[in-house]
Amino acid sequence: WSIRGYQTTILTLSQNGRPSAYKIDESVAVRDVGWPRGGREYELNASAVAPIVRGFYANDSTILMPDITMLALLRFAILQTEPDVVVSFITQTNVRVLAALHESKVPVIVCEVTDQRRIDMGNWKRPRDMYYRHAAHVVATDPVIADWLSARGAKAISIHNPLLTPPTPISPKQNARKRVITMSRLSMEKRV
């Protein structure tokens, strides 16, 4: 995104000064909430917490109440960047971002790369189903998963991960058989 001229910020929840495992372009701002920690008065106050709590009740998700401090800190950190859009990854993070930004009018796009039909979300199932309805879009890598999320009220679409042709030709093996190798976590929710 930064290569295309978009001002991009990566916000981590609990990096706490540890260096990133990946090289990040210098034009990308990197910020961290610094979780776990207590909230400062300007981050954790009645006006910051009230919309989050209203979201808990509106979305039948009071199970998230113990996360109120984290969500208030997350809300403050995201809004401080003045985003045009937020893109979130990983189910529990997606739910937290949507809960934190309740009533903010900031569009949130959540990304799902696991087969949500095959994982047990426990107490997170109801909040996921309820908050995903408020996402600007839920992007799944498989149309079956997008349809499943749509059936639960989410504005879900499918965008496949791109598989590009290698820039240099791969020399053929002795036989004419074609081979494709994929690497993934071999687990039921990845459908591999």
C-alpha atoms as a PDB file:
ATOM      1  CA  TRP A   1       0.000   0.000   0.000  1.00  0.00           C
ATOM      2  CA  SER A   2       2.806   2.402   0.833  1.00  0.00           C
ATOM      3  CA  ILE A   3       4.396   1.791  -2.583  1.00  0.00           C
ATOM      4  CA  ARG A   4       1.146   3.025  -4.130  1.00  0.00           C
ATOM      5  CA  GLY A   5       1.344   6.252  -2.129  1.00  0.00           C
ATOM      6  CA  TYR A   6      -1.023   5.421   0.720  1.00  0.00           C
ATOM      7  CA  GLN A   7       0.026   6.632   4.152  1.00  0.00           C
ATOM      8  CA  THR A   8       0.189   3.307   5.987  1.00  0.00           C
ATOM      9  CA  THR A   9       0.443   2.542   9.684  1.00  0.00           C
ATOM     10  CA  ILE A  10       0.998  -0.883  11.222  1.00  0.00           C
ATOM     11  CA  LEU A  11      -0.420  -0.961  14.726  1.00  0.00           C
ATOM     12  CA  THR A  12       0.609  -3.837  16.959  1.00  0.00           C
ATOM     13  CA  LEU A  13      -1.005  -4.660  20.256  1.00  0.00           C
ATOM     14  CA  SER A  14       1.870  -6.023  22.317  1.00  0.00           C
ATOM     15  CA  GLN A  15       5.182  -5.727  20.454  1.00  0.00           C
ATOM     16  CA  ASN A  16       6.537  -3.700  23.395  1.00  0.00           C
ATOM     17  CA  GLY A  17       9.708  -2.534  21.639  1.00  0.00           C
ATOM     18  CA  ARG A  18      10.675  -5.903  20.216  1.00  0.00           C
ATOM     19  CA  PRO A  19      11.899  -5.629  16.625  1.00  0.00           C
ATOM     20  CA  SER A  20       9.609  -6.891  13.881  1.00  0.00           C
ATOM     21  CA  ALA A  21      10.280 -10.346  12.488  1.00  0.00           C
ATOM     22  CA  TYR A  22       9.784  -8.848   9.007  1.00  0.00           C
ATOM     23  CA  LYS A  23      11.417  -5.993   7.144  1.00  0.00           C
ATOM     24  CA  ILE A  24       9.028  -3.047   7.064  1.00  0.00           C
ATOM     25  CA  ASP A  25       9.388  -0.295   4.470  1.00  0.00           C
ATOM     26  CA  GLU A  26      10.679   2.957   5.978  1.00  0.00           C
ATOM     27  CA  SER A  27       7.635   4.853   4.689  1.00  0.00           C
ATOM     28  CA  VAL A  28       5.335   2.746   6.896  1.00  0.00           C
ATOM     29  CA  ALA A  29       4.670   4.097  10.381  1.00  0.00           C
ATOM     30  CA  VAL A  30       4.864   1.428  13.073  1.00  0.00           C
ATOM     31  CA  ARG A  31       3.096   1.986  16.390  1.00  0.00           C
ATOM     32  CA  ASP A  32       2.403  -0.241  19.359  1.00  0.00           C
ATOM     33  CA  VAL A  33      -0.328  -0.124  21.989  1.00  0.00           C
ATOM     34  CA  GLY A  34       2.111  -1.582  24.525  1.00  0.00           C
ATOM     35  CA  TRP A  35      -0.311  -4.087  25.991  1.00  0.00           C
ATOM     36  CA  PRO A  36      -0.480  -5.193  28.765  1.00  0.00           C
ATOM     37  CA  ARG A  37      -0.499  -1.937  30.692  1.00  0.00           C
ATOM     38  CA  GLY A  38      -2.919   0.315  32.481  1.00  0.00           C
ATOM     39  CA  GLY A  39      -4.661   3.070  30.600  1.00  0.00           C
ATOM     40  CA  ARG A  40      -3.795   6.745  30.891  1.00  0.00           C
ATOM     41  CA  GLU A  41      -6.636   9.131  31.687  1.00  0.00           C
ATOM     42  CA  TYR A  42      -6.849  10.429  28.114  1.00  0.00           C
ATOM     43  CA  GLU A  43      -7.079   6.838  26.775  1.00  0.00           C
ATOM     44  CA  LEU A  44      -9.324   5.288  29.391  1.00  0.00           C
ATOM     45  CA  ASN A  45     -12.168   7.598  30.369  1.00  0.00           C
ATOM     46  CA  ALA A  46     -15.954   7.690  30.204  1.00  0.00           C
ATOM     47  CA  SER A  47     -16.108   9.124  26.674  1.00  0.00           C
ATOM     48  CA  ALA A  48     -13.683   6.469  25.389  1.00  0.00           C
ATOM     49  CA  VAL A  49     -15.341   3.559  27.177  1.00  0.00           C
ATOM     50  CA  ALA A  50     -19.026   4.440  26.668  1.00  0.00           C
ATOM     51  CA  PRO A  51     -19.277   3.583  22.933  1.00  0.00           C
ATOM     52  CA  ILE A  52     -17.435   0.315  23.495  1.00  0.00           C
ATOM     53  CA  VAL A  53     -19.790  -0.680  26.304  1.00  0.00           C
ATOM     54  CA  ARG A  54     -22.829   0.315  24.227  1.00  0.00           C
ATOM     55  CA  GLY A  55     -21.445  -1.967  21.530  1.00  0.00           C
ATOM     56  CA  PHE A  56     -21.186  -4.857  23.986  1.00  0.00           C
ATOM     57  CA  TYR A  57     -24.879  -4.571  24.802  1.00  0.00           C
ATOM     58  CA  ALA A  58     -26.022  -3.853  21.232  1.00  0.00           C
ATOM     59  CA  ASN A  59     -24.125  -6.897  19.993  1.00  0.00           C
ATOM     60  CA  ASP A  60     -24.940  -9.315  22.814  1.00  0.00           C
ATOM     61  CA  SER A  61     -21.221  -9.472  23.572  1.00  0.00           C
ATOM     62  CA  THR A  62     -20.807  -8.554  27.229  1.00  0.00           C
ATOM     63  CA  ILE A  63     -18.430 -11.531  27.378  1.00  0.00           C
ATOM     64  CA  LEU A  64     -15.816  -9.008  26.140  1.00  0.00           C
ATOM     65  CA  MET A  65     -16.215  -6.774  29.216  1.00  0.00           C
ATOM     66  CA  PRO A  66     -12.936  -8.020  30.802  1.00  0.00           C
ATOM     67  CA  ASP A  67     -11.135  -6.632  27.714  1.00  0.00           C
ATOM     68  CA  ILE A  68     -12.458  -3.085  28.216  1.00  0.00           C
ATOM     69  CA  THR A  69      -9.058  -1.563  29.061  1.00  0.00           C
ATOM     70  CA  MET A  70      -7.369  -3.173  26.077  1.00  0.00           C
ATOM     71  CA  LEU A  71     -10.213  -2.103  23.781  1.00  0.00           C
ATOM     72  CA  ALA A  72     -10.092   1.500  25.013  1.00  0.00           C
ATOM     73  CA  LEU A  73      -6.324   1.616  24.449  1.00  0.00           C
ATOM     74  CA  LEU A  74      -6.791   0.088  21.009  1.00  0.00           C
ATOM     75  CA  ARG A  75      -9.540   2.587  20.153  1.00  0.00           C
ATOM     76  CA  PHE A  76      -7.374   5.523  21.200  1.00  0.00           C
ATOM     77  CA  ALA A  77      -4.334   4.252  19.263  1.00  0.00           C
ATOM     78  CA  ILE A  78      -6.331   3.628  16.083  1.00  0.00           C
ATOM     79  CA  LEU A  79      -8.235   6.929  16.168  1.00  0.00           C
ATOM     80  CA  GLN A  80      -5.009   8.809  16.866  1.00  0.00           C
ATOM     81  CA  THR A  81      -3.781   7.763  13.388  1.00  0.00           C
ATOM     82  CA  GLU A  82      -6.900   9.360  11.803  1.00  0.00           C
ATOM     83  CA  PRO A  83      -7.416   6.401   9.444  1.00  0.00           C
ATOM     84  CA  ASP A  84      -9.568   6.424   6.321  1.00  0.00           C
ATOM     85  CA  VAL A  85      -9.934   2.658   6.718  1.00  0.00           C
ATOM     86  CA  VAL A  86      -8.675  -0.046   9.080  1.00  0.00           C
ATOM     87  CA  VAL A  87      -7.703  -3.498   7.810  1.00  0.00           C
ATOM     88  CA  SER A  88      -7.590  -6.169  10.487  1.00  0.00           C
ATOM     89  CA  PHE A  89      -6.360  -9.776  10.470  1.00  0.00           C
ATOM     90  CA  ILE A  90      -6.983 -12.800  12.726  1.00  0.00           C
ATOM     91  CA  THR A  91     -10.413 -13.518  14.178  1.00  0.00           C
ATOM     92  CA  GLN A  92      -9.976 -12.376  17.785  1.00  0.00           C
ATOM     93  CA  THR A  93      -8.123  -9.246  16.688  1.00  0.00           C
ATOM     94  CA  ASN A  94     -10.871  -8.562  14.149  1.00  0.00           C
ATOM     95  CA  VAL A  95     -13.527  -8.758  16.863  1.00  0.00           C
ATOM     96  CA  ARG A  96     -11.481  -6.552  19.189  1.00  0.00           C
ATOM     97  CA  VAL A  97     -10.941  -3.904  16.500  1.00  0.00           C
ATOM     98  CA  LEU A  98     -14.638  -3.854  15.599  1.00  0.00           C
ATOM     99  CA  ALA A  99     -15.606  -3.651  19.283  1.00  0.00           C
ATOM    100  CA  ALA A 100     -13.051  -0.910  19.960  1.00  0.00           C
ATOM    101  CA  LEU A 101     -14.241   1.191  17.022  1.00  0.00           C
ATOM    102  CA  HIS A 102     -17.965   0.819  17.716  1.00  0.00           C
ATOM    103  CA  GLU A 103     -19.751   4.101  16.814  1.00  0.00           C
ATOM    104  CA  SER A 104     -16.534   5.622  15.396  1.00  0.00           C
ATOM    105  CA  LYS A 105     -17.685   5.606  11.742  1.00  0.00           C
ATOM    106  CA  VAL A 106     -14.228   4.363  10.683  1.00  0.00           C
ATOM    107  CA  PRO A 107     -14.719   1.609   8.097  1.00  0.00           C
ATOM    108  CA  VAL A 108     -13.126  -1.679   9.128  1.00  0.00           C
ATOM    109  CA  ILE A 109     -12.242  -4.454   6.703  1.00  0.00           C
ATOM    110  CA  VAL A 110     -11.596  -7.751   8.446  1.00  0.00           C
ATOM    111  CA  CYS A 111      -9.713 -10.592   6.806  1.00  0.00           C
ATOM    112  CA  GLU A 112     -10.333 -14.271   7.438  1.00  0.00           C
ATOM    113  CA  VAL A 113      -7.877 -16.820   6.124  1.00  0.00           C
ATOM    114  CA  THR A 114      -9.210 -19.773   8.094  1.00  0.00           C
ATOM    115  CA  ASP A 115     -12.319 -21.822   7.563  1.00  0.00           C
ATOM    116  CA  GLN A 116     -14.521 -20.356  10.280  1.00  0.00           C
ATOM    117  CA  ARG A 117     -16.911 -23.275   9.944  1.00  0.00           C
ATOM    118  CA  ARG A 118     -14.257 -25.626  11.297  1.00  0.00           C
ATOM    119  CA  ILE A 119     -12.934 -23.867  14.359  1.00  0.00           C
ATOM    120  CA  ASP A 120     -14.456 -23.722  17.810  1.00  0.00           C
ATOM    121  CA  MET A 121     -14.560 -20.076  18.822  1.00  0.00           C
ATOM    122  CA  GLY A 122     -15.988 -20.856  22.246  1.00  0.00           C
ATOM    123  CA  ASN A 123     -17.191 -17.618  23.860  1.00  0.00           C
ATOM    124  CA  TRP A 124     -15.945 -15.633  20.840  1.00  0.00           C
ATOM    125  CA  LYS A 125     -18.504 -17.125  18.417  1.00  0.00           C
ATOM    126  CA  ARG A 126     -21.346 -14.775  19.299  1.00  0.00           C
ATOM    127  CA  PRO A 127     -19.184 -11.610  19.337  1.00  0.00           C
ATOM    128  CA  ARG A 128     -17.662 -12.636  15.982  1.00  0.00           C
ATOM    129  CA  ASP A 129     -21.058 -13.187  14.380  1.00  0.00           C
ATOM    130  CA  MET A 130     -22.473  -9.961  15.804  1.00  0.00           C
ATOM    131  CA  TYR A 131     -19.527  -7.611  15.227  1.00  0.00           C
ATOM    132  CA  TYR A 132     -18.750  -8.927  11.734  1.00  0.00           C
ATOM    133  CA  ARG A 133     -22.139  -7.516  10.704  1.00  0.00           C
ATOM    134  CA  HIS A 134     -20.688  -4.042  11.355  1.00  0.00           C
ATOM    135  CA  ALA A 135     -17.540  -4.510   9.277  1.00  0.00           C
ATOM    136  CA  ALA A 136     -17.404  -2.556   6.018  1.00  0.00           C
ATOM    137  CA  HIS A 137     -16.411  -5.902   4.493  1.00  0.00           C
ATOM    138  CA  VAL A 138     -15.249  -9.301   5.627  1.00  0.00           C
ATOM    139  CA  VAL A 139     -12.736 -10.721   3.173  1.00  0.00           C
ATOM    140  CA  ALA A 140     -12.316 -14.488   3.007  1.00  0.00           C
ATOM    141  CA  THR A 141      -9.917 -16.334   0.738  1.00  0.00           C
ATOM    142  CA  ASP A 142     -12.538 -18.908  -0.221  1.00  0.00           C
ATOM    143  CA  PRO A 143     -16.042 -18.235  -1.617  1.00  0.00           C
ATOM    144  CA  VAL A 144     -17.534 -21.025   0.526  1.00  0.00           C
ATOM    145  CA  ILE A 145     -16.302 -19.282   3.670  1.00  0.00           C
ATOM    146  CA  ALA A 146     -17.493 -15.889   2.383  1.00  0.00           C
ATOM    147  CA  ASP A 147     -20.949 -17.383   1.760  1.00  0.00           C
ATOM    148  CA  TRP A 148     -20.985 -18.898   5.247  1.00  0.00           C
ATOM    149  CA  LEU A 149     -20.076 -15.532   6.806  1.00  0.00           C
ATOM    150  CA  SER A 150     -22.689 -13.782   4.617  1.00  0.00           C
ATOM    151  CA  ALA A 151     -25.341 -16.172   5.895  1.00  0.00           C
ATOM    152  CA  ARG A 152     -24.551 -14.820   9.386  1.00  0.00           C
ATOM    153  CA  GLY A 153     -25.149 -11.236   8.289  1.00  0.00           C
ATOM    154  CA  ALA A 154     -21.622 -10.134   7.360  1.00  0.00           C
ATOM    155  CA  LYS A 155     -20.897  -8.245   4.145  1.00  0.00           C
ATOM    156  CA  ALA A 156     -18.476 -10.958   3.084  1.00  0.00           C
ATOM    157  CA  ILE A 157     -16.616 -11.270  -0.185  1.00  0.00           C
ATOM    158  CA  SER A 158     -13.987 -13.658  -1.445  1.00  0.00           C
ATOM    159  CA  ILE A 159     -10.596 -12.516  -2.662  1.00  0.00           C
ATOM    160  CA  HIS A 160      -8.141 -15.301  -3.351  1.00  0.00           C
ATOM    161  CA  ASN A 161      -4.517 -15.003  -2.366  1.00  0.00           C
ATOM    162  CA  PRO A 162      -2.651 -14.319  -5.590  1.00  0.00           C
ATOM    163  CA  LEU A 163      -0.400 -16.987  -7.010  1.00  0.00           C
ATOM    164  CA  LEU A 164       1.848 -15.312  -9.526  1.00  0.00           C
ATOM    165  CA  THR A 165       3.966 -16.979 -12.185  1.00  0.00           C
ATOM    166  CA  PRO A 166       7.635 -16.976 -11.133  1.00  0.00           C
ATOM    167  CA  PRO A 167       9.649 -14.236 -12.881  1.00  0.00           C
ATOM    168  CA  THR A 168      12.138 -16.768 -14.217  1.00  0.00           C
ATOM    169  CA  PRO A 169      11.043 -20.012 -15.864  1.00  0.00           C
ATOM    170  CA  ILE A 170      11.398 -23.119 -13.774  1.00  0.00           C
ATOM    171  CA  SER A 171      13.404 -25.779 -15.537  1.00  0.00           C
ATOM    172  CA  PRO A 172      11.346 -28.890 -16.216  1.00  0.00           C
ATOM    173  CA  LYS A 173      12.202 -32.158 -14.528  1.00  0.00           C
ATOM    174  CA  GLN A 174      13.028 -35.259 -16.543  1.00  0.00           C
ATOM    175  CA  ASN A 175       9.394 -36.255 -16.782  1.00  0.00           C
ATOM    176  CA  ALA A 176       6.610 -33.947 -17.946  1.00  0.00           C
ATOM    177  CA  ARG A 177       4.716 -34.108 -14.661  1.00  0.00           C
ATOM    178  CA  LYS A 178       3.900 -30.674 -13.197  1.00  0.00           C
ATOM    179  CA  ARG A 179       4.341 -30.052  -9.502  1.00  0.00           C
ATOM    180  CA  VAL A 180       2.925 -27.473  -7.164  1.00  0.00           C
ATOM    181  CA  ILE A 181       4.124 -27.225  -3.617  1.00  0.00           C
ATOM    182  CA  THR A 182       2.220 -25.313  -0.971  1.00  0.00           C
ATOM    183  CA  MET A 183       3.241 -24.469   2.548  1.00  0.00           C
ATOM    184  CA  SER A 184       0.655 -23.914   5.218  1.00  0.00           C
ATOM    185  CA  ARG A 185      -0.189 -24.874   8.724  1.00  0.00           C
ATOM    186  CA  LEU A 186      -1.712 -28.282   8.225  1.00  0.00           C
ATOM    187  CA  SER A 187      -4.840 -27.944  10.249  1.00  0.00           C
ATOM    188  CA  MET A 188      -8.530 -28.434   9.715  1.00  0.00           C
ATOM    189  CA  GLU A 189      -9.416 -24.731   9.667  1.00  0.00           C
ATOM    190  CA  LYS A 190      -6.892 -24.072   6.867  1.00  0.00           C
ATOM    191  CA  ARG A 191      -8.631 -26.679   4.681  1.00  0.00           C
ATOM    192  CA  VAL A 192      -5.287 -28.193   3.654  1.00  0.00           C
END
